[in-house]
Structures are given as C-alpha cells and as structure tokens.
Amino acid sequence: FYEMFFEDAKLVSRELELTLTGRECGLAERAPMCGVP
C-alpha cells in the first residue's frame, strides 16, 4: 500500500472519499491514516 498520514491523510480521505483510519505512531493519539493499493 501507499499510505498517507496526518494532514495528508485527512485531505486525501476527504477528496477521494476514502476511509480514514489510524496508526500507532508513538504519540498519545494515533496518527490519522488512509491508503491505496
């Protein structure tokens, strides 16, 4: 997969209508993430 994180993930999720998920990143909150094959 090609993954996008943080603001890129939010933008792509909105523009391409993809599901926004999250990934553990070392911070208290998970990093916003979306991806495409």
Full PDB file with SEQRES, HELIX, SHEET, SSBOND, CRYST1, ORIGX, SCALE, CONECT and MASTER records, all heavy atoms in Angstrom:
SEQRES   1 A   37  PHE TYR GLU MET PHE PHE GLU ASP ALA LYS LEU VAL SER          
SEQRES   2 A   37  ARG GLU LEU GLU LEU THR LEU THR GLY ARG GLU CYS GLY          
SEQRES   3 A   37  LEU ALA GLU ARG ALA PRO MET CYS GLY VAL PRO                  
HELIX    1 AA1 PHE A    6  LEU A   16  1                                  11    
SHEET    1 AA1 3 TYR A   2  PHE A   5  0                                        
SHEET    2 AA1 3 ALA A  31  VAL A  36 -1                                        
SHEET    3 AA1 3 THR A  21  ARG A  23 -1                                        
CRYST1    1.000    1.000    1.000  90.00  90.00  90.00 P 1           1          
ORIGX1      1.000000  0.000000  0.000000        0.00000                         
ORIGX2      0.000000  1.000000  0.000000        0.00000                         
ORIGX3      0.000000  0.000000  1.000000        0.00000                         
SCALE1      1.000000  0.000000  0.000000        0.00000                         
SCALE2      0.000000  1.000000  0.000000        0.00000                         
SCALE3      0.000000  0.000000  1.000000        0.00000                         
ATOM      1  N   PHE A   1       0.832  -1.206   0.000  1.00  0.00           N  
ATOM      2  CA  PHE A   1       0.000   0.000   0.000  1.00  0.00           C  
ATOM      3  C   PHE A   1       0.869   1.259   0.000  1.00  0.00           C  
ATOM      4  O   PHE A   1       2.018   1.245   0.458  1.00  0.00           O  
ATOM      5  CB  PHE A   1      -0.915   0.035   1.234  1.00  0.00           C  
ATOM      6  CG  PHE A   1      -2.086  -0.903   1.150  1.00  0.00           C  
ATOM      7  CD1 PHE A   1      -1.939  -2.249   1.425  1.00  0.00           C  
ATOM      8  CD2 PHE A   1      -3.338  -0.434   0.787  1.00  0.00           C  
ATOM      9  CE1 PHE A   1      -3.016  -3.118   1.345  1.00  0.00           C  
ATOM     10  CE2 PHE A   1      -4.424  -1.288   0.711  1.00  0.00           C  
ATOM     11  CZ  PHE A   1      -4.261  -2.635   0.985  1.00  0.00           C  
ATOM     12  N   TYR A   2       0.301   2.329  -0.550  1.00  0.00           N  
ATOM     13  CA  TYR A   2       0.815   3.675  -0.317  1.00  0.00           C  
ATOM     14  C   TYR A   2      -0.051   4.274   0.786  1.00  0.00           C  
ATOM     15  O   TYR A   2      -1.276   4.358   0.639  1.00  0.00           O  
ATOM     16  CB  TYR A   2       0.702   4.538  -1.579  1.00  0.00           C  
ATOM     17  CG  TYR A   2       1.686   4.204  -2.665  1.00  0.00           C  
ATOM     18  CD1 TYR A   2       1.260   3.711  -3.891  1.00  0.00           C  
ATOM     19  CD2 TYR A   2       3.059   4.396  -2.475  1.00  0.00           C  
ATOM     20  CE1 TYR A   2       2.154   3.417  -4.895  1.00  0.00           C  
ATOM     21  CE2 TYR A   2       3.967   4.099  -3.478  1.00  0.00           C  
ATOM     22  CZ  TYR A   2       3.507   3.606  -4.681  1.00  0.00           C  
ATOM     23  OH  TYR A   2       4.408   3.305  -5.677  1.00  0.00           O  
ATOM     24  N   GLU A   3       0.593   4.679   1.864  1.00  0.00           N  
ATOM     25  CA  GLU A   3      -0.142   5.246   2.990  1.00  0.00           C  
ATOM     26  C   GLU A   3       0.095   6.745   3.080  1.00  0.00           C  
ATOM     27  O   GLU A   3       1.167   7.245   2.730  1.00  0.00           O  
ATOM     28  CB  GLU A   3       0.279   4.579   4.305  1.00  0.00           C  
ATOM     29  CG  GLU A   3       0.083   3.070   4.345  1.00  0.00           C  
ATOM     30  CD  GLU A   3      -1.377   2.645   4.426  1.00  0.00           C  
ATOM     31  OE1 GLU A   3      -2.253   3.534   4.436  1.00  0.00           O  
ATOM     32  OE2 GLU A   3      -1.635   1.430   4.466  1.00  0.00           O  
ATOM     33  N   MET A   4      -0.909   7.449   3.556  1.00  0.00           N  
ATOM     34  CA  MET A   4      -0.801   8.879   3.856  1.00  0.00           C  
ATOM     35  C   MET A   4      -1.111   9.076   5.327  1.00  0.00           C  
ATOM     36  O   MET A   4      -1.972   8.366   5.879  1.00  0.00           O  
ATOM     37  CB  MET A   4      -1.772   9.693   2.997  1.00  0.00           C  
ATOM     38  CG  MET A   4      -1.347   9.805   1.539  1.00  0.00           C  
ATOM     39  SD  MET A   4      -2.677   9.358   0.406  1.00  0.00           S  
ATOM     40  CE  MET A   4      -2.498   7.588   0.326  1.00  0.00           C  
ATOM     41  N   PHE A   5      -0.435  10.026   5.969  1.00  0.00           N  
ATOM     42  CA  PHE A   5      -0.600  10.239   7.403  1.00  0.00           C  
ATOM     43  C   PHE A   5      -0.901  11.703   7.708  1.00  0.00           C  
ATOM     44  O   PHE A   5      -0.662  12.597   6.892  1.00  0.00           O  
ATOM     45  CB  PHE A   5       0.677   9.816   8.152  1.00  0.00           C  
ATOM     46  CG  PHE A   5       1.007   8.358   8.006  1.00  0.00           C  
ATOM     47  CD1 PHE A   5       1.988   7.938   7.110  1.00  0.00           C  
ATOM     48  CD2 PHE A   5       0.341   7.400   8.739  1.00  0.00           C  
ATOM     49  CE1 PHE A   5       2.293   6.602   6.960  1.00  0.00           C  
ATOM     50  CE2 PHE A   5       0.639   6.047   8.600  1.00  0.00           C  
ATOM     51  CZ  PHE A   5       1.619   5.649   7.716  1.00  0.00           C  
ATOM     52  N   PHE A   6      -1.429  11.922   8.905  1.00  0.00           N  
ATOM     53  CA  PHE A   6      -1.700  13.261   9.451  1.00  0.00           C  
ATOM     54  C   PHE A   6      -2.551  14.087   8.484  1.00  0.00           C  
ATOM     55  O   PHE A   6      -3.590  13.613   8.042  1.00  0.00           O  
ATOM     56  CB  PHE A   6      -0.381  13.950   9.820  1.00  0.00           C  
ATOM     57  CG  PHE A   6       0.409  13.194  10.847  1.00  0.00           C  
ATOM     58  CD1 PHE A   6       1.607  12.559  10.521  1.00  0.00           C  
ATOM     59  CD2 PHE A   6      -0.049  13.085  12.162  1.00  0.00           C  
ATOM     60  CE1 PHE A   6       2.335  11.850  11.468  1.00  0.00           C  
ATOM     61  CE2 PHE A   6       0.673  12.369  13.134  1.00  0.00           C  
ATOM     62  CZ  PHE A   6       1.863  11.758  12.783  1.00  0.00           C  
ATOM     63  N   GLU A   7      -2.132  15.312   8.149  1.00  0.00           N  
ATOM     64  CA  GLU A   7      -2.968  16.197   7.336  1.00  0.00           C  
ATOM     65  C   GLU A   7      -3.159  15.663   5.918  1.00  0.00           C  
ATOM     66  O   GLU A   7      -4.214  15.847   5.319  1.00  0.00           O  
ATOM     67  CB  GLU A   7      -2.348  17.602   7.283  1.00  0.00           C  
ATOM     68  CG  GLU A   7      -2.343  18.322   8.626  1.00  0.00           C  
ATOM     69  CD  GLU A   7      -3.733  18.412   9.231  1.00  0.00           C  
ATOM     70  OE1 GLU A   7      -4.685  18.745   8.488  1.00  0.00           O  
ATOM     71  OE2 GLU A   7      -3.872  18.146  10.442  1.00  0.00           O  
ATOM     72  N   ASP A   8      -2.137  14.998   5.377  1.00  0.00           N  
ATOM     73  CA  ASP A   8      -2.282  14.397   4.049  1.00  0.00           C  
ATOM     74  C   ASP A   8      -3.405  13.363   4.047  1.00  0.00           C  
ATOM     75  O   ASP A   8      -4.204  13.282   3.108  1.00  0.00           O  
ATOM     76  CB  ASP A   8      -0.978  13.721   3.608  1.00  0.00           C  
ATOM     77  CG  ASP A   8       0.051  14.716   3.094  1.00  0.00           C  
ATOM     78  OD1 ASP A   8      -0.263  15.918   3.067  1.00  0.00           O  
ATOM     79  OD2 ASP A   8       1.162  14.286   2.723  1.00  0.00           O  
ATOM     80  N   ALA A   9      -3.466  12.561   5.103  1.00  0.00           N  
ATOM     81  CA  ALA A   9      -4.490  11.527   5.186  1.00  0.00           C  
ATOM     82  C   ALA A   9      -5.884  12.148   5.243  1.00  0.00           C  
ATOM     83  O   ALA A   9      -6.815  11.687   4.573  1.00  0.00           O  
ATOM     84  CB  ALA A   9      -4.239  10.657   6.418  1.00  0.00           C  
ATOM     85  N   LYS A  10      -6.033  13.205   6.033  1.00  0.00           N  
ATOM     86  CA  LYS A  10      -7.344  13.865   6.139  1.00  0.00           C  
ATOM     87  C   LYS A  10      -7.763  14.456   4.793  1.00  0.00           C  
ATOM     88  O   LYS A  10      -8.919  14.342   4.382  1.00  0.00           O  
ATOM     89  CB  LYS A  10      -7.275  14.969   7.198  1.00  0.00           C  
ATOM     90  CG  LYS A  10      -7.049  14.461   8.619  1.00  0.00           C  
ATOM     91  CD  LYS A  10      -6.923  15.635   9.597  1.00  0.00           C  
ATOM     92  CE  LYS A  10      -6.613  15.157  11.006  1.00  0.00           C  
ATOM     93  NZ  LYS A  10      -6.442  16.312  11.943  1.00  0.00           N  
ATOM     94  N   LEU A  11      -6.791  15.079   4.110  1.00  0.00           N  
ATOM     95  CA  LEU A  11      -7.096  15.709   2.830  1.00  0.00           C  
ATOM     96  C   LEU A  11      -7.508  14.664   1.790  1.00  0.00           C  
ATOM     97  O   LEU A  11      -8.528  14.816   1.107  1.00  0.00           O  
ATOM     98  CB  LEU A  11      -5.883  16.502   2.356  1.00  0.00           C  
ATOM     99  CG  LEU A  11      -6.040  17.372   1.097  1.00  0.00           C  
ATOM    100  CD1 LEU A  11      -5.067  18.550   1.144  1.00  0.00           C  
ATOM    101  CD2 LEU A  11      -5.798  16.585  -0.176  1.00  0.00           C  
ATOM    102  N   VAL A  12      -6.715  13.606   1.662  1.00  0.00           N  
ATOM    103  CA  VAL A  12      -6.998  12.575   0.658  1.00  0.00           C  
ATOM    104  C   VAL A  12      -8.292  11.840   0.982  1.00  0.00           C  
ATOM    105  O   VAL A  12      -9.088  11.518   0.087  1.00  0.00           O  
ATOM    106  CB  VAL A  12      -5.811  11.593   0.549  1.00  0.00           C  
ATOM    107  CG1 VAL A  12      -6.166  10.418  -0.365  1.00  0.00           C  
ATOM    108  CG2 VAL A  12      -4.581  12.307   0.021  1.00  0.00           C  
ATOM    109  N   SER A  13      -8.523  11.587   2.265  1.00  0.00           N  
ATOM    110  CA  SER A  13      -9.766  10.936   2.676  1.00  0.00           C  
ATOM    111  C   SER A  13     -10.978  11.760   2.246  1.00  0.00           C  
ATOM    112  O   SER A  13     -11.982  11.219   1.760  1.00  0.00           O  
ATOM    113  CB  SER A  13      -9.773  10.740   4.193  1.00  0.00           C  
ATOM    114  OG  SER A  13     -11.021  10.251   4.633  1.00  0.00           O  
ATOM    115  N   ARG A  14     -10.861  13.073   2.395  1.00  0.00           N  
ATOM    116  CA  ARG A  14     -11.965  13.966   2.035  1.00  0.00           C  
ATOM    117  C   ARG A  14     -12.122  14.073   0.518  1.00  0.00           C  
ATOM    118  O   ARG A  14     -13.229  13.973  -0.018  1.00  0.00           O  
ATOM    119  CB  ARG A  14     -11.719  15.346   2.637  1.00  0.00           C  
ATOM    120  CG  ARG A  14     -12.796  16.372   2.341  1.00  0.00           C  
ATOM    121  CD  ARG A  14     -12.530  17.690   3.023  1.00  0.00           C  
ATOM    122  NE  ARG A  14     -11.362  18.379   2.485  1.00  0.00           N  
ATOM    123  CZ  ARG A  14     -10.216  18.509   3.135  1.00  0.00           C  
ATOM    124  NH1 ARG A  14     -10.063  18.000   4.351  1.00  0.00           N  
ATOM    125  NH2 ARG A  14      -9.207  19.161   2.581  1.00  0.00           N  
ATOM    126  N   GLU A  15     -11.005  14.253  -0.206  1.00  0.00           N  
ATOM    127  CA  GLU A  15     -11.066  14.483  -1.646  1.00  0.00           C  
ATOM    128  C   GLU A  15     -11.443  13.237  -2.432  1.00  0.00           C  
ATOM    129  O   GLU A  15     -12.125  13.316  -3.454  1.00  0.00           O  
ATOM    130  CB  GLU A  15      -9.720  15.021  -2.150  1.00  0.00           C  
ATOM    131  CG  GLU A  15      -9.371  16.421  -1.652  1.00  0.00           C  
ATOM    132  CD  GLU A  15     -10.207  17.490  -2.328  1.00  0.00           C  
ATOM    133  OE1 GLU A  15     -10.990  17.175  -3.249  1.00  0.00           O  
ATOM    134  OE2 GLU A  15     -10.096  18.659  -1.923  1.00  0.00           O  
ATOM    135  N   LEU A  16     -10.979  12.076  -1.978  1.00  0.00           N  
ATOM    136  CA  LEU A  16     -11.218  10.832  -2.721  1.00  0.00           C  
ATOM    137  C   LEU A  16     -12.254   9.936  -2.061  1.00  0.00           C  
ATOM    138  O   LEU A  16     -12.499   8.823  -2.530  1.00  0.00           O  
ATOM    139  CB  LEU A  16      -9.901  10.059  -2.885  1.00  0.00           C  
ATOM    140  CG  LEU A  16      -8.763  10.780  -3.601  1.00  0.00           C  
ATOM    141  CD1 LEU A  16      -7.579   9.839  -3.787  1.00  0.00           C  
ATOM    142  CD2 LEU A  16      -9.213  11.345  -4.934  1.00  0.00           C  
ATOM    143  N   GLU A  17     -12.825  10.423  -0.950  1.00  0.00           N  
ATOM    144  CA  GLU A  17     -13.854   9.682  -0.231  1.00  0.00           C  
ATOM    145  C   GLU A  17     -13.348   8.300   0.203  1.00  0.00           C  
ATOM    146  O   GLU A  17     -14.004   7.269   0.009  1.00  0.00           O  
ATOM    147  CB  GLU A  17     -15.119   9.548  -1.082  1.00  0.00           C  
ATOM    148  CG  GLU A  17     -15.737  10.895  -1.443  1.00  0.00           C  
ATOM    149  CD  GLU A  17     -16.986  10.758  -2.301  1.00  0.00           C  
ATOM    150  OE1 GLU A  17     -17.283   9.629  -2.733  1.00  0.00           O  
ATOM    151  OE2 GLU A  17     -17.649  11.773  -2.531  1.00  0.00           O  
ATOM    152  N   LEU A  18     -12.157   8.300   0.811  1.00  0.00           N  
ATOM    153  CA  LEU A  18     -11.567   7.075   1.342  1.00  0.00           C  
ATOM    154  C   LEU A  18     -11.764   7.021   2.850  1.00  0.00           C  
ATOM    155  O   LEU A  18     -11.905   8.053   3.515  1.00  0.00           O  
ATOM    156  CB  LEU A  18     -10.069   7.014   1.017  1.00  0.00           C  
ATOM    157  CG  LEU A  18      -9.688   7.015  -0.465  1.00  0.00           C  
ATOM    158  CD1 LEU A  18      -8.172   7.034  -0.618  1.00  0.00           C  
ATOM    159  CD2 LEU A  18     -10.270   5.810  -1.176  1.00  0.00           C  
ATOM    160  N   THR A  19     -11.750   5.819   3.391  1.00  0.00           N  
ATOM    161  CA  THR A  19     -11.922   5.648   4.829  1.00  0.00           C  
ATOM    162  C   THR A  19     -10.700   6.153   5.575  1.00  0.00           C  
ATOM    163  O   THR A  19      -9.559   5.796   5.234  1.00  0.00           O  
ATOM    164  CB  THR A  19     -12.155   4.164   5.169  1.00  0.00           C  
ATOM    165  OG1 THR A  19     -13.310   3.699   4.464  1.00  0.00           O  
ATOM    166  CG2 THR A  19     -12.360   3.973   6.665  1.00  0.00           C  
ATOM    167  N   LEU A  20     -10.921   6.973   6.574  1.00  0.00           N  
ATOM    168  CA  LEU A  20      -9.835   7.482   7.411  1.00  0.00           C  
ATOM    169  C   LEU A  20      -9.677   6.566   8.620  1.00  0.00           C  
ATOM    170  O   LEU A  20     -10.623   6.367   9.388  1.00  0.00           O  
ATOM    171  CB  LEU A  20     -10.140   8.906   7.856  1.00  0.00           C  
ATOM    172  CG  LEU A  20      -9.023   9.634   8.627  1.00  0.00           C  
ATOM    173  CD1 LEU A  20      -7.824   9.881   7.713  1.00  0.00           C  
ATOM    174  CD2 LEU A  20      -9.535  10.957   9.182  1.00  0.00           C  
ATOM    175  N   THR A  21      -8.488   5.996   8.787  1.00  0.00           N  
ATOM    176  CA  THR A  21      -8.206   5.116   9.921  1.00  0.00           C  
ATOM    177  C   THR A  21      -7.095   5.747  10.761  1.00  0.00           C  
ATOM    178  O   THR A  21      -6.869   6.952  10.699  1.00  0.00           O  
ATOM    179  CB  THR A  21      -7.806   3.713   9.434  1.00  0.00           C  
ATOM    180  OG1 THR A  21      -6.613   3.820   8.626  1.00  0.00           O  
ATOM    181  CG2 THR A  21      -8.906   3.093   8.601  1.00  0.00           C  
ATOM    182  N   GLY A  22      -6.408   4.956  11.552  1.00  0.00           N  
ATOM    183  CA  GLY A  22      -5.325   5.476  12.376  1.00  0.00           C  
ATOM    184  C   GLY A  22      -4.232   4.441  12.560  1.00  0.00           C  
ATOM    185  O   GLY A  22      -4.437   3.247  12.302  1.00  0.00           O  
ATOM    186  N   ARG A  23      -3.073   4.903  12.995  1.00  0.00           N  
ATOM    187  CA  ARG A  23      -1.940   4.005  13.212  1.00  0.00           C  
ATOM    188  C   ARG A  23      -1.157   4.483  14.421  1.00  0.00           C  
ATOM    189  O   ARG A  23      -0.967   5.688  14.622  1.00  0.00           O  
ATOM    190  CB  ARG A  23      -1.025   3.989  11.980  1.00  0.00           C  
ATOM    191  CG  ARG A  23       0.167   3.031  12.093  1.00  0.00           C  
ATOM    192  CD  ARG A  23       1.085   3.184  10.909  1.00  0.00           C  
ATOM    193  NE  ARG A  23       2.227   2.298  11.009  1.00  0.00           N  
ATOM    194  CZ  ARG A  23       2.313   1.096  10.424  1.00  0.00           C  
ATOM    195  NH1 ARG A  23       1.321   0.663   9.678  1.00  0.00           N  
ATOM    196  NH2 ARG A  23       3.395   0.341  10.555  1.00  0.00           N  
ATOM    197  N   GLU A  24      -0.699   3.534  15.231  1.00  0.00           N  
ATOM    198  CA  GLU A  24       0.150   3.886  16.371  1.00  0.00           C  
ATOM    199  C   GLU A  24       1.419   4.547  15.852  1.00  0.00           C  
ATOM    200  O   GLU A  24       2.056   4.043  14.933  1.00  0.00           O  
ATOM    201  CB  GLU A  24       0.507   2.640  17.174  1.00  0.00           C  
ATOM    202  CG  GLU A  24      -0.695   1.934  17.813  1.00  0.00           C  
ATOM    203  CD  GLU A  24      -1.402   2.800  18.832  1.00  0.00           C  
ATOM    204  OE1 GLU A  24      -0.740   3.705  19.396  1.00  0.00           O  
ATOM    205  OE2 GLU A  24      -2.602   2.601  19.062  1.00  0.00           O  
ATOM    206  N   CYS A  25       1.765   5.681  16.463  1.00  0.00           N  
ATOM    207  CA  CYS A  25       2.911   6.436  15.938  1.00  0.00           C  
ATOM    208  C   CYS A  25       3.886   6.885  17.024  1.00  0.00           C  
ATOM    209  O   CYS A  25       4.849   7.596  16.732  1.00  0.00           O  
ATOM    210  CB  CYS A  25       2.408   7.644  15.158  1.00  0.00           C  
ATOM    211  SG  CYS A  25       1.489   8.819  16.168  1.00  0.00           S  
ATOM    212  N   GLY A  26       3.633   6.488  18.279  1.00  0.00           N  
ATOM    213  CA  GLY A  26       4.496   6.915  19.372  1.00  0.00           C  
ATOM    214  C   GLY A  26       3.929   8.062  20.182  1.00  0.00           C  
ATOM    215  O   GLY A  26       4.431   8.381  21.260  1.00  0.00           O  
ATOM    216  N   LEU A  27       2.885   8.709  19.664  1.00  0.00           N  
ATOM    217  CA  LEU A  27       2.225   9.794  20.372  1.00  0.00           C  
ATOM    218  C   LEU A  27       1.032   9.255  21.151  1.00  0.00           C  
ATOM    219  O   LEU A  27       0.636   8.097  21.001  1.00  0.00           O  
ATOM    220  CB  LEU A  27       1.758  10.868  19.374  1.00  0.00           C  
ATOM    221  CG  LEU A  27       2.842  11.483  18.481  1.00  0.00           C  
ATOM    222  CD1 LEU A  27       2.228  12.502  17.528  1.00  0.00           C  
ATOM    223  CD2 LEU A  27       3.939  12.140  19.325  1.00  0.00           C  
ATOM    224  N   ALA A  28       0.443  10.143  21.977  1.00  0.00           N  
ATOM    225  CA  ALA A  28      -0.698   9.720  22.784  1.00  0.00           C  
ATOM    226  C   ALA A  28      -1.874   9.323  21.904  1.00  0.00           C  
ATOM    227  O   ALA A  28      -2.593   8.365  22.202  1.00  0.00           O  
ATOM    228  CB  ALA A  28      -1.104  10.849  23.736  1.00  0.00           C  
ATOM    229  N   GLU A  29      -2.059  10.059  20.800  1.00  0.00           N  
ATOM    230  CA  GLU A  29      -3.140   9.748  19.873  1.00  0.00           C  
ATOM    231  C   GLU A  29      -2.584   9.089  18.617  1.00  0.00           C  
ATOM    232  O   GLU A  29      -1.466   9.374  18.193  1.00  0.00           O  
ATOM    233  CB  GLU A  29      -3.903  11.017  19.500  1.00  0.00           C  
ATOM    234  CG  GLU A  29      -4.626  11.663  20.667  1.00  0.00           C  
ATOM    235  CD  GLU A  29      -5.441  12.859  20.210  1.00  0.00           C  
ATOM    236  OE1 GLU A  29      -5.507  13.106  18.978  1.00  0.00           O  
ATOM    237  OE2 GLU A  29      -6.001  13.548  21.072  1.00  0.00           O  
ATOM    238  N   ARG A  30      -3.381   8.230  18.029  1.00  0.00           N  
ATOM    239  CA  ARG A  30      -2.962   7.557  16.801  1.00  0.00           C  
ATOM    240  C   ARG A  30      -2.895   8.565  15.658  1.00  0.00           C  
ATOM    241  O   ARG A  30      -3.650   9.529  15.606  1.00  0.00           O  
ATOM    242  CB  ARG A  30      -3.950   6.440  16.447  1.00  0.00           C  
ATOM    243  CG  ARG A  30      -3.988   5.340  17.488  1.00  0.00           C  
ATOM    244  CD  ARG A  30      -5.061   4.331  17.176  1.00  0.00           C  
ATOM    245  NE  ARG A  30      -4.937   3.815  15.815  1.00  0.00           N  
ATOM    246  CZ  ARG A  30      -5.466   2.665  15.414  1.00  0.00           C  
ATOM    247  NH1 ARG A  30      -6.142   1.917  16.248  1.00  0.00           N  
ATOM    248  NH2 ARG A  30      -5.328   2.288  14.169  1.00  0.00           N  
ATOM    249  N   ALA A  31      -1.971   8.312  14.720  1.00  0.00           N  
ATOM    250  CA  ALA A  31      -1.835   9.196  13.562  1.00  0.00           C  
ATOM    251  C   ALA A  31      -2.959   8.917  12.577  1.00  0.00           C  
ATOM    252  O   ALA A  31      -3.203   7.754  12.224  1.00  0.00           O  
ATOM    253  CB  ALA A  31      -0.490   8.971  12.882  1.00  0.00           C  
ATOM    254  N   PRO A  32      -3.684   9.953  12.098  1.00  0.00           N  
ATOM    255  CA  PRO A  32      -4.682   9.736  11.047  1.00  0.00           C  
ATOM    256  C   PRO A  32      -4.012   9.095   9.831  1.00  0.00           C  
ATOM    257  O   PRO A  32      -2.901   9.480   9.449  1.00  0.00           O  
ATOM    258  CB  PRO A  32      -5.175  11.148  10.728  1.00  0.00           C  
ATOM    259  CG  PRO A  32      -4.856  11.952  11.947  1.00  0.00           C  
ATOM    260  CD  PRO A  32      -3.601  11.364  12.508  1.00  0.00           C  
ATOM    261  N   MET A  33      -4.662   8.116   9.215  1.00  0.00           N  
ATOM    262  CA  MET A  33      -4.039   7.375   8.111  1.00  0.00           C  
ATOM    263  C   MET A  33      -5.109   6.951   7.112  1.00  0.00           C  
ATOM    264  O   MET A  33      -6.232   6.624   7.480  1.00  0.00           O  
ATOM    265  CB  MET A  33      -3.318   6.135   8.648  1.00  0.00           C  
ATOM    266  CG  MET A  33      -2.652   5.275   7.581  1.00  0.00           C  
ATOM    267  SD  MET A  33      -1.839   3.795   8.251  1.00  0.00           S  
ATOM    268  CE  MET A  33      -3.253   2.702   8.415  1.00  0.00           C  
ATOM    269  N   CYS A  34      -4.757   7.010   5.836  1.00  0.00           N  
ATOM    270  CA  CYS A  34      -5.564   6.349   4.807  1.00  0.00           C  
ATOM    271  C   CYS A  34      -4.598   5.874   3.732  1.00  0.00           C  
ATOM    272  O   CYS A  34      -3.484   6.395   3.597  1.00  0.00           O  
ATOM    273  CB  CYS A  34      -6.647   7.256   4.250  1.00  0.00           C  
ATOM    274  SG  CYS A  34      -6.071   8.516   3.103  1.00  0.00           S  
ATOM    275  N   GLY A  35      -5.015   4.869   2.980  1.00  0.00           N  
ATOM    276  CA  GLY A  35      -4.092   4.300   1.996  1.00  0.00           C  
ATOM    277  C   GLY A  35      -4.799   3.780   0.768  1.00  0.00           C  
ATOM    278  O   GLY A  35      -6.023   3.635   0.733  1.00  0.00           O  
ATOM    279  N   VAL A  36      -3.977   3.489  -0.267  1.00  0.00           N  
ATOM    280  CA  VAL A  36      -4.487   2.923  -1.523  1.00  0.00           C  
ATOM    281  C   VAL A  36      -3.548   1.795  -1.941  1.00  0.00           C  
ATOM    282  O   VAL A  36      -2.339   1.848  -1.671  1.00  0.00           O  
ATOM    283  CB  VAL A  36      -4.562   3.989  -2.639  1.00  0.00           C  
ATOM    284  CG1 VAL A  36      -5.514   5.111  -2.241  1.00  0.00           C  
ATOM    285  CG2 VAL A  36      -3.185   4.553  -2.968  1.00  0.00           C  
ATOM    286  N   PRO A  37      -4.058   0.738  -2.588  1.00  0.00           N  
ATOM    287  CA  PRO A  37      -3.181  -0.350  -3.054  1.00  0.00           C  
ATOM    288  C   PRO A  37      -2.168   0.181  -4.067  1.00  0.00           C  
ATOM    289  O   PRO A  37      -2.510   0.972  -4.947  1.00  0.00           O  
ATOM    290  CB  PRO A  37      -4.170  -1.331  -3.714  1.00  0.00           C  
ATOM    291  CG  PRO A  37      -5.502  -0.983  -3.142  1.00  0.00           C  
ATOM    292  CD  PRO A  37      -5.477   0.491  -2.890  1.00  0.00           C  
TER     293      PRO A  37                                                      
MASTER        0    0    0    1    3    0    0    6  292    1    0    3          
END                                                                             
